[in-house]
Amino acid sequence: QVQLVESGGGLVQPGGSLRLSCAASGFAFSSYAMSWYRQAPGTERELVAIITSAGASTTAADSVKGRFTISRDNAKNSVYLQMNSLKPEDTAVYYCKAGRGPRNYWGQGTQVTVSS
């Protein structure tokens, strides 16, 4: 049974930091590219960052470049999103996704709220 479980979300003040984690099970994690998406109310889900299967390459959306960092630990079947210098516009539900060819698996999401 495939599972992706996000954690680490919460309420943080502008300028603060959070580290999201996504624990994977039920599939060959190290063979999948992993990504983080987010969706704010009334908007479409958008790609935040992606990391290749071996972790050799990462790409981040322009809106988070220089503030967010994606990483993974294939020994722990986990992917992370370090979020620094958070802004109110980063408020959203954050989802992790595993992708390999036509196969995509999604987690249930974790809420991140940036507010004073």
C-alpha atoms as a PDB file:
ATOM      1  CA  GLN A   1       0.000   0.000   0.000  1.00  0.00           C
ATOM      2  CA  VAL A   2       1.461   3.309  -1.107  1.00  0.00           C
ATOM      3  CA  GLN A   3       1.605   6.001   1.536  1.00  0.00           C
ATOM      4  CA  LEU A   4       2.963   9.539   1.580  1.00  0.00           C
ATOM      5  CA  VAL A   5       2.575  11.258   4.925  1.00  0.00           C
ATOM      6  CA  GLU A   6       3.439  14.935   5.280  1.00  0.00           C
ATOM      7  CA  SER A   7       4.241  16.583   8.586  1.00  0.00           C
ATOM      8  CA  GLY A   8       5.759  19.776   9.957  1.00  0.00           C
ATOM      9  CA  GLY A   9       3.146  22.306   8.942  1.00  0.00           C
ATOM     10  CA  GLY A  10       1.712  24.887  11.302  1.00  0.00           C
ATOM     11  CA  LEU A  11       1.347  28.559  12.085  1.00  0.00           C
ATOM     12  CA  VAL A  12       4.432  30.752  11.758  1.00  0.00           C
ATOM     13  CA  GLN A  13       5.049  34.490  11.740  1.00  0.00           C
ATOM     14  CA  PRO A  14       6.287  36.278   8.612  1.00  0.00           C
ATOM     15  CA  GLY A  15      10.033  35.880   8.313  1.00  0.00           C
ATOM     16  CA  GLY A  16       9.981  32.595  10.179  1.00  0.00           C
ATOM     17  CA  SER A  17      10.967  29.097   9.105  1.00  0.00           C
ATOM     18  CA  LEU A  18       9.394  25.662   8.888  1.00  0.00           C
ATOM     19  CA  ARG A  19      10.670  22.286   7.766  1.00  0.00           C
ATOM     20  CA  LEU A  20       8.191  19.961   6.108  1.00  0.00           C
ATOM     21  CA  SER A  21       8.781  16.226   5.955  1.00  0.00           C
ATOM     22  CA  CYS A  22       7.186  13.559   3.806  1.00  0.00           C
ATOM     23  CA  ALA A  23       7.588   9.907   4.765  1.00  0.00           C
ATOM     24  CA  ALA A  24       7.032   7.407   1.963  1.00  0.00           C
ATOM     25  CA  SER A  25       6.269   3.706   1.969  1.00  0.00           C
ATOM     26  CA  GLY A  26       4.894   1.008  -0.314  1.00  0.00           C
ATOM     27  CA  PHE A  27       6.928   1.784  -3.431  1.00  0.00           C
ATOM     28  CA  ALA A  28      10.550   2.029  -4.617  1.00  0.00           C
ATOM     29  CA  PHE A  29      11.173   5.502  -3.230  1.00  0.00           C
ATOM     30  CA  SER A  30      14.714   5.881  -4.567  1.00  0.00           C
ATOM     31  CA  SER A  31      13.458   5.369  -8.136  1.00  0.00           C
ATOM     32  CA  TYR A  32      10.995   8.242  -8.025  1.00  0.00           C
ATOM     33  CA  ALA A  33      11.421  11.952  -8.468  1.00  0.00           C
ATOM     34  CA  MET A  34       9.870  13.762  -5.525  1.00  0.00           C
ATOM     35  CA  SER A  35       8.227  17.132  -5.477  1.00  0.00           C
ATOM     36  CA  TRP A  36       6.345  19.543  -3.258  1.00  0.00           C
ATOM     37  CA  TYR A  37       3.224  21.313  -4.430  1.00  0.00           C
ATOM     38  CA  ARG A  38       0.991  23.811  -2.687  1.00  0.00           C
ATOM     39  CA  GLN A  39      -2.570  24.988  -3.025  1.00  0.00           C
ATOM     40  CA  ALA A  40      -4.051  28.115  -1.500  1.00  0.00           C
ATOM     41  CA  PRO A  41      -7.838  28.565  -1.229  1.00  0.00           C
ATOM     42  CA  GLY A  42      -9.395  29.427  -4.590  1.00  0.00           C
ATOM     43  CA  THR A  43      -6.219  28.728  -6.547  1.00  0.00           C
ATOM     44  CA  GLU A  44      -4.813  25.866  -8.572  1.00  0.00           C
ATOM     45  CA  ARG A  45      -2.229  23.526  -7.126  1.00  0.00           C
ATOM     46  CA  GLU A  46       1.241  24.744  -8.071  1.00  0.00           C
ATOM     47  CA  LEU A  47       4.672  23.160  -8.152  1.00  0.00           C
ATOM     48  CA  VAL A  48       7.002  24.446  -5.447  1.00  0.00           C
ATOM     49  CA  ALA A  49      10.126  22.324  -5.904  1.00  0.00           C
ATOM     50  CA  ILE A  50      11.264  19.033  -7.382  1.00  0.00           C
ATOM     51  CA  ILE A  51      14.241  16.756  -6.769  1.00  0.00           C
ATOM     52  CA  THR A  52      15.463  13.905  -8.958  1.00  0.00           C
ATOM     53  CA  SER A  53      15.491  10.315  -7.766  1.00  0.00           C
ATOM     54  CA  ALA A  54      19.136  10.325  -6.661  1.00  0.00           C
ATOM     55  CA  GLY A  55      18.951  13.894  -5.392  1.00  0.00           C
ATOM     56  CA  ALA A  56      21.485  15.152  -7.917  1.00  0.00           C
ATOM     57  CA  SER A  57      19.303  17.947  -9.266  1.00  0.00           C
ATOM     58  CA  THR A  58      16.664  20.254  -7.839  1.00  0.00           C
ATOM     59  CA  THR A  59      14.429  22.927  -9.278  1.00  0.00           C
ATOM     60  CA  ALA A  60      12.374  25.491  -7.412  1.00  0.00           C
ATOM     61  CA  ALA A  61       9.611  27.844  -8.498  1.00  0.00           C
ATOM     62  CA  ASP A  62      10.666  31.456  -8.977  1.00  0.00           C
ATOM     63  CA  SER A  63       8.365  32.494  -6.125  1.00  0.00           C
ATOM     64  CA  VAL A  64      10.358  30.464  -3.585  1.00  0.00           C
ATOM     65  CA  LYS A  65      13.837  30.412  -5.106  1.00  0.00           C
ATOM     66  CA  GLY A  66      16.453  31.393  -2.549  1.00  0.00           C
ATOM     67  CA  ARG A  67      14.039  30.793   0.352  1.00  0.00           C
ATOM     68  CA  PHE A  68      12.952  27.143   0.049  1.00  0.00           C
ATOM     69  CA  THR A  69      15.203  24.101  -0.305  1.00  0.00           C
ATOM     70  CA  ILE A  70      14.107  20.586  -1.215  1.00  0.00           C
ATOM     71  CA  SER A  71      16.173  17.596  -0.129  1.00  0.00           C
ATOM     72  CA  ARG A  72      15.763  13.857   0.286  1.00  0.00           C
ATOM     73  CA  ASP A  73      17.162  10.937   2.240  1.00  0.00           C
ATOM     74  CA  ASN A  74      16.708   7.733   0.284  1.00  0.00           C
ATOM     75  CA  ALA A  75      17.870   5.658   3.249  1.00  0.00           C
ATOM     76  CA  LYS A  76      14.911   7.018   5.238  1.00  0.00           C
ATOM     77  CA  ASN A  77      12.427   7.106   2.330  1.00  0.00           C
ATOM     78  CA  SER A  78      11.829  10.766   3.081  1.00  0.00           C
ATOM     79  CA  VAL A  79      11.771  14.113   1.336  1.00  0.00           C
ATOM     80  CA  TYR A  80      11.981  17.495   3.007  1.00  0.00           C
ATOM     81  CA  LEU A  81      11.182  21.117   2.297  1.00  0.00           C
ATOM     82  CA  GLN A  82      13.094  23.710   4.296  1.00  0.00           C
ATOM     83  CA  MET A  83      11.181  26.977   4.148  1.00  0.00           C
ATOM     84  CA  ASN A  84      12.871  30.172   5.289  1.00  0.00           C
ATOM     85  CA  SER A  85      11.854  33.830   5.179  1.00  0.00           C
ATOM     86  CA  LEU A  86       8.218  32.829   5.001  1.00  0.00           C
ATOM     87  CA  LYS A  87       5.676  35.295   3.650  1.00  0.00           C
ATOM     88  CA  PRO A  88       1.883  35.482   4.097  1.00  0.00           C
ATOM     89  CA  GLU A  89       1.522  34.501   0.437  1.00  0.00           C
ATOM     90  CA  ASP A  90       3.188  31.165   1.236  1.00  0.00           C
ATOM     91  CA  THR A  91       0.062  30.202   3.163  1.00  0.00           C
ATOM     92  CA  ALA A  92      -1.334  27.026   1.591  1.00  0.00           C
ATOM     93  CA  VAL A  93      -1.765  23.304   1.961  1.00  0.00           C
ATOM     94  CA  TYR A  94       1.530  21.668   0.994  1.00  0.00           C
ATOM     95  CA  TYR A  95       1.550  18.269  -0.696  1.00  0.00           C
ATOM     96  CA  CYS A  96       4.352  15.904  -1.558  1.00  0.00           C
ATOM     97  CA  LYS A  97       4.224  13.883  -4.742  1.00  0.00           C
ATOM     98  CA  ALA A  98       6.166  10.904  -6.042  1.00  0.00           C
ATOM     99  CA  GLY A  99       6.458  10.608  -9.812  1.00  0.00           C
ATOM    100  CA  ARG A 100       7.930   8.100 -12.218  1.00  0.00           C
ATOM    101  CA  GLY A 101       6.675   8.071 -15.792  1.00  0.00           C
ATOM    102  CA  PRO A 102       2.873   7.756 -15.728  1.00  0.00           C
ATOM    103  CA  ARG A 103       2.796   6.872 -12.028  1.00  0.00           C
ATOM    104  CA  ASN A 104       2.091   9.613  -9.535  1.00  0.00           C
ATOM    105  CA  TYR A 105       1.343   9.286  -5.848  1.00  0.00           C
ATOM    106  CA  TRP A 106       0.140  12.121  -3.611  1.00  0.00           C
ATOM    107  CA  GLY A 107       0.082  12.722   0.108  1.00  0.00           C
ATOM    108  CA  GLN A 108      -2.843  14.200   2.003  1.00  0.00           C
ATOM    109  CA  GLY A 109      -1.193  17.541   2.618  1.00  0.00           C
ATOM    110  CA  THR A 110      -0.141  19.662   5.572  1.00  0.00           C
ATOM    111  CA  GLN A 111      -1.373  23.184   6.284  1.00  0.00           C
ATOM    112  CA  VAL A 112       1.125  26.039   6.441  1.00  0.00           C
ATOM    113  CA  THR A 113      -0.169  29.386   7.663  1.00  0.00           C
ATOM    114  CA  VAL A 114       2.043  32.477   7.704  1.00  0.00           C
ATOM    115  CA  SER A 115       0.470  35.215   9.771  1.00  0.00           C
ATOM    116  CA  SER A 116       1.258  37.641  12.530  1.00  0.00           C
END
